[in-house]
């Protein structure tokens, strides 16, 4: 195989794919048990059980509950979106402007800017981001500096 990262073996910690969700829907409709579906997909029983719970919708005025792969995928994406850490760019704009100014005008490093701002009392810690975040912001283009 050309791709060394590709494997047919299940690796722990991977999320269900949309194809696997579709398989769950089809097999449930065929009358398979959660346990049998888990064995078929080579997944832990709890993963399948939780996915079925996540994607179950009420039909016919709440009289029938059924698993729908699209509903499970939608709920998964909603949960995934809210699980990521948010950037603090807007909260720290004055500090980021200060860093850009000092790097451009004085030729300081990001570490030197952070240390000077803290030591001189220009900003409180809550108004700043750490140096690792500063470097990440440079990589993301939030701070428009060229890497040396």
C-alpha atoms as a PDB file:
ATOM      1  CA  UNK A   1       0.000   0.000   0.000  1.00  0.00           C
ATOM      2  CA  UNK A   2       1.139   3.509  -0.756  1.00  0.00           C
ATOM      3  CA  UNK A   3      -0.144   5.120   2.433  1.00  0.00           C
ATOM      4  CA  UNK A   4       1.764   3.859   5.500  1.00  0.00           C
ATOM      5  CA  UNK A   5      -0.869   5.297   7.855  1.00  0.00           C
ATOM      6  CA  UNK A   6      -3.687   3.230   6.327  1.00  0.00           C
ATOM      7  CA  UNK A   7      -4.695   0.104   8.173  1.00  0.00           C
ATOM      8  CA  UNK A   8      -7.794  -2.062   8.271  1.00  0.00           C
ATOM      9  CA  UNK A   9      -7.240  -2.661  11.974  1.00  0.00           C
ATOM     10  CA  UNK A  10      -9.275  -0.547  14.383  1.00  0.00           C
ATOM     11  CA  UNK A  11      -7.120   1.851  16.378  1.00  0.00           C
ATOM     12  CA  UNK A  12      -8.266   2.907  19.812  1.00  0.00           C
ATOM     13  CA  UNK A  13      -9.594   6.454  20.125  1.00  0.00           C
ATOM     14  CA  UNK A  14     -10.814   6.904  16.561  1.00  0.00           C
ATOM     15  CA  UNK A  15     -14.249   8.334  15.952  1.00  0.00           C
ATOM     16  CA  UNK A  16     -16.969   6.563  14.040  1.00  0.00           C
ATOM     17  CA  UNK A  17     -17.104   7.363  10.342  1.00  0.00           C
ATOM     18  CA  UNK A  18     -20.295   8.214   8.511  1.00  0.00           C
ATOM     19  CA  UNK A  19     -20.093   4.826   6.752  1.00  0.00           C
ATOM     20  CA  UNK A  20     -20.007   3.068  10.119  1.00  0.00           C
ATOM     21  CA  UNK A  21     -23.016   5.093  11.258  1.00  0.00           C
ATOM     22  CA  UNK A  22     -24.843   4.055   8.110  1.00  0.00           C
ATOM     23  CA  UNK A  23     -23.923   0.409   8.800  1.00  0.00           C
ATOM     24  CA  UNK A  24     -25.350   0.730  12.304  1.00  0.00           C
ATOM     25  CA  UNK A  25     -28.604   2.090  10.892  1.00  0.00           C
ATOM     26  CA  UNK A  26     -28.907  -0.705   8.320  1.00  0.00           C
ATOM     27  CA  UNK A  27     -28.042  -3.487  10.771  1.00  0.00           C
ATOM     28  CA  UNK A  28     -30.462  -2.186  13.397  1.00  0.00           C
ATOM     29  CA  UNK A  29     -33.187  -2.167  10.762  1.00  0.00           C
ATOM     30  CA  UNK A  30     -32.253  -5.801   9.978  1.00  0.00           C
ATOM     31  CA  UNK A  31     -32.728  -6.704  13.646  1.00  0.00           C
ATOM     32  CA  UNK A  32     -29.098  -7.053  14.725  1.00  0.00           C
ATOM     33  CA  UNK A  33     -28.256  -6.549  18.397  1.00  0.00           C
ATOM     34  CA  UNK A  34     -25.915  -3.791  19.582  1.00  0.00           C
ATOM     35  CA  UNK A  35     -23.408  -6.456  20.581  1.00  0.00           C
ATOM     36  CA  UNK A  36     -23.455  -8.102  17.150  1.00  0.00           C
ATOM     37  CA  UNK A  37     -23.026  -4.711  15.420  1.00  0.00           C
ATOM     38  CA  UNK A  38     -20.080  -3.913  17.692  1.00  0.00           C
ATOM     39  CA  UNK A  39     -18.393  -7.217  16.815  1.00  0.00           C
ATOM     40  CA  UNK A  40     -19.094  -6.695  13.104  1.00  0.00           C
ATOM     41  CA  UNK A  41     -17.574  -3.181  13.120  1.00  0.00           C
ATOM     42  CA  UNK A  42     -14.749  -4.221  15.464  1.00  0.00           C
ATOM     43  CA  UNK A  43     -15.769  -1.512  17.918  1.00  0.00           C
ATOM     44  CA  UNK A  44     -16.394  -1.525  21.674  1.00  0.00           C
ATOM     45  CA  UNK A  45     -19.975  -2.255  22.706  1.00  0.00           C
ATOM     46  CA  UNK A  46     -20.237   1.069  24.597  1.00  0.00           C
ATOM     47  CA  UNK A  47     -19.275   3.025  21.473  1.00  0.00           C
ATOM     48  CA  UNK A  48     -22.135   1.469  19.541  1.00  0.00           C
ATOM     49  CA  UNK A  49     -24.558   1.824  22.454  1.00  0.00           C
ATOM     50  CA  UNK A  50     -23.683   5.525  22.879  1.00  0.00           C
ATOM     51  CA  UNK A  51     -23.937   6.176  19.140  1.00  0.00           C
ATOM     52  CA  UNK A  52     -27.373   4.569  18.983  1.00  0.00           C
ATOM     53  CA  UNK A  53     -28.482   6.687  21.931  1.00  0.00           C
ATOM     54  CA  UNK A  54     -27.052   9.823  20.302  1.00  0.00           C
ATOM     55  CA  UNK A  55     -28.718   9.232  16.927  1.00  0.00           C
ATOM     56  CA  UNK A  56     -32.117   7.949  18.010  1.00  0.00           C
ATOM     57  CA  UNK A  57     -34.981  10.163  16.904  1.00  0.00           C
ATOM     58  CA  UNK A  58     -38.709  10.025  17.608  1.00  0.00           C
ATOM     59  CA  UNK A  59     -40.982   9.456  14.620  1.00  0.00           C
ATOM     60  CA  UNK A  60     -44.737   9.491  14.055  1.00  0.00           C
ATOM     61  CA  UNK A  61     -45.519  11.987  16.764  1.00  0.00           C
ATOM     62  CA  UNK A  62     -43.186  10.385  19.291  1.00  0.00           C
ATOM     63  CA  UNK A  63     -44.693   6.914  19.012  1.00  0.00           C
ATOM     64  CA  UNK A  64     -41.694   5.231  17.366  1.00  0.00           C
ATOM     65  CA  UNK A  65     -38.005   5.731  18.120  1.00  0.00           C
ATOM     66  CA  UNK A  66     -35.447   4.834  15.478  1.00  0.00           C
ATOM     67  CA  UNK A  67     -31.716   5.308  14.954  1.00  0.00           C
ATOM     68  CA  UNK A  68     -30.841   7.593  12.053  1.00  0.00           C
ATOM     69  CA  UNK A  69     -27.243   7.894  10.883  1.00  0.00           C
ATOM     70  CA  UNK A  70     -27.710  11.522   9.769  1.00  0.00           C
ATOM     71  CA  UNK A  71     -29.062  12.500  13.196  1.00  0.00           C
ATOM     72  CA  UNK A  72     -26.122  10.756  14.895  1.00  0.00           C
ATOM     73  CA  UNK A  73     -23.639  12.500  12.606  1.00  0.00           C
ATOM     74  CA  UNK A  74     -25.286  15.879  13.193  1.00  0.00           C
ATOM     75  CA  UNK A  75     -25.240  15.457  16.977  1.00  0.00           C
ATOM     76  CA  UNK A  76     -21.620  14.237  16.837  1.00  0.00           C
ATOM     77  CA  UNK A  77     -20.570  17.356  14.898  1.00  0.00           C
ATOM     78  CA  UNK A  78     -22.428  19.640  17.316  1.00  0.00           C
ATOM     79  CA  UNK A  79     -20.695  18.000  20.284  1.00  0.00           C
ATOM     80  CA  UNK A  80     -17.343  18.077  18.501  1.00  0.00           C
ATOM     81  CA  UNK A  81     -17.674  21.780  17.668  1.00  0.00           C
ATOM     82  CA  UNK A  82     -18.356  22.741  21.259  1.00  0.00           C
ATOM     83  CA  UNK A  83     -15.530  20.556  22.597  1.00  0.00           C
ATOM     84  CA  UNK A  84     -12.693  22.522  21.022  1.00  0.00           C
ATOM     85  CA  UNK A  85     -10.860  25.257  22.828  1.00  0.00           C
ATOM     86  CA  UNK A  86     -11.650  28.766  21.677  1.00  0.00           C
ATOM     87  CA  UNK A  87      -8.931  31.261  20.791  1.00  0.00           C
ATOM     88  CA  UNK A  88      -8.573  34.298  23.052  1.00  0.00           C
ATOM     89  CA  UNK A  89      -7.653  36.684  20.224  1.00  0.00           C
ATOM     90  CA  UNK A  90     -10.423  39.179  20.831  1.00  0.00           C
ATOM     91  CA  UNK A  91      -9.827  39.301  24.582  1.00  0.00           C
ATOM     92  CA  UNK A  92      -6.111  40.031  24.162  1.00  0.00           C
ATOM     93  CA  UNK A  93      -6.049  42.452  21.216  1.00  0.00           C
ATOM     94  CA  UNK A  94      -4.112  45.231  23.016  1.00  0.00           C
ATOM     95  CA  UNK A  95      -1.440  42.755  24.098  1.00  0.00           C
ATOM     96  CA  UNK A  96      -1.178  41.260  20.599  1.00  0.00           C
ATOM     97  CA  UNK A  97      -0.840  44.767  19.111  1.00  0.00           C
ATOM     98  CA  UNK A  98       1.895  45.513  21.643  1.00  0.00           C
ATOM     99  CA  UNK A  99       3.745  42.314  20.667  1.00  0.00           C
ATOM    100  CA  UNK A 100       3.516  43.117  16.942  1.00  0.00           C
ATOM    101  CA  UNK A 101       4.797  46.652  17.552  1.00  0.00           C
ATOM    102  CA  UNK A 102       7.756  45.539  19.688  1.00  0.00           C
ATOM    103  CA  UNK A 103       8.802  42.789  17.278  1.00  0.00           C
ATOM    104  CA  UNK A 104       8.643  45.140  14.280  1.00  0.00           C
ATOM    105  CA  UNK A 105      10.115  48.287  15.822  1.00  0.00           C
ATOM    106  CA  UNK A 106      12.523  46.904  18.412  1.00  0.00           C
ATOM    107  CA  UNK A 107      13.294  43.506  16.872  1.00  0.00           C
ATOM    108  CA  UNK A 108      12.324  41.678  20.065  1.00  0.00           C
ATOM    109  CA  UNK A 109      11.435  38.019  20.210  1.00  0.00           C
ATOM    110  CA  UNK A 110       7.964  36.935  21.253  1.00  0.00           C
ATOM    111  CA  UNK A 111       9.400  35.659  24.536  1.00  0.00           C
ATOM    112  CA  UNK A 112      11.062  39.013  25.239  1.00  0.00           C
ATOM    113  CA  UNK A 113       7.808  40.881  24.523  1.00  0.00           C
ATOM    114  CA  UNK A 114       5.870  38.654  26.904  1.00  0.00           C
ATOM    115  CA  UNK A 115       8.462  38.911  29.668  1.00  0.00           C
ATOM    116  CA  UNK A 116       8.820  42.687  29.376  1.00  0.00           C
ATOM    117  CA  UNK A 117       5.055  43.248  29.345  1.00  0.00           C
ATOM    118  CA  UNK A 118       4.629  41.184  32.502  1.00  0.00           C
ATOM    119  CA  UNK A 119       7.660  42.537  34.364  1.00  0.00           C
ATOM    120  CA  UNK A 120       6.897  46.181  33.600  1.00  0.00           C
ATOM    121  CA  UNK A 121       3.235  45.753  34.546  1.00  0.00           C
ATOM    122  CA  UNK A 122       1.897  46.868  31.159  1.00  0.00           C
ATOM    123  CA  UNK A 123      -0.572  43.985  31.158  1.00  0.00           C
ATOM    124  CA  UNK A 124      -2.034  41.651  33.746  1.00  0.00           C
ATOM    125  CA  UNK A 125      -1.674  37.903  33.147  1.00  0.00           C
ATOM    126  CA  UNK A 126      -5.381  37.647  32.321  1.00  0.00           C
ATOM    127  CA  UNK A 127      -4.865  40.159  29.487  1.00  0.00           C
ATOM    128  CA  UNK A 128      -2.043  38.142  27.931  1.00  0.00           C
ATOM    129  CA  UNK A 129      -1.545  34.795  26.251  1.00  0.00           C
ATOM    130  CA  UNK A 130       1.468  32.561  26.859  1.00  0.00           C
ATOM    131  CA  UNK A 131       4.448  32.487  24.497  1.00  0.00           C
ATOM    132  CA  UNK A 132       3.439  29.117  23.045  1.00  0.00           C
ATOM    133  CA  UNK A 133       0.087  30.631  22.085  1.00  0.00           C
ATOM    134  CA  UNK A 134       1.906  33.628  20.580  1.00  0.00           C
ATOM    135  CA  UNK A 135       3.938  31.301  18.364  1.00  0.00           C
ATOM    136  CA  UNK A 136       0.757  29.428  17.417  1.00  0.00           C
ATOM    137  CA  UNK A 137      -0.899  32.730  16.509  1.00  0.00           C
ATOM    138  CA  UNK A 138       2.057  33.553  14.246  1.00  0.00           C
ATOM    139  CA  UNK A 139       1.658  30.143  12.548  1.00  0.00           C
ATOM    140  CA  UNK A 140      -2.094  30.708  12.127  1.00  0.00           C
ATOM    141  CA  UNK A 141      -1.574  34.237  10.783  1.00  0.00           C
ATOM    142  CA  UNK A 142      -3.380  35.927  13.690  1.00  0.00           C
ATOM    143  CA  UNK A 143      -0.219  37.915  14.359  1.00  0.00           C
ATOM    144  CA  UNK A 144       1.215  39.047  11.049  1.00  0.00           C
ATOM    145  CA  UNK A 145       4.924  38.443  11.554  1.00  0.00           C
ATOM    146  CA  UNK A 146       7.431  36.533   9.508  1.00  0.00           C
ATOM    147  CA  UNK A 147       9.097  33.580  11.171  1.00  0.00           C
ATOM    148  CA  UNK A 148      12.887  33.817  11.318  1.00  0.00           C
END
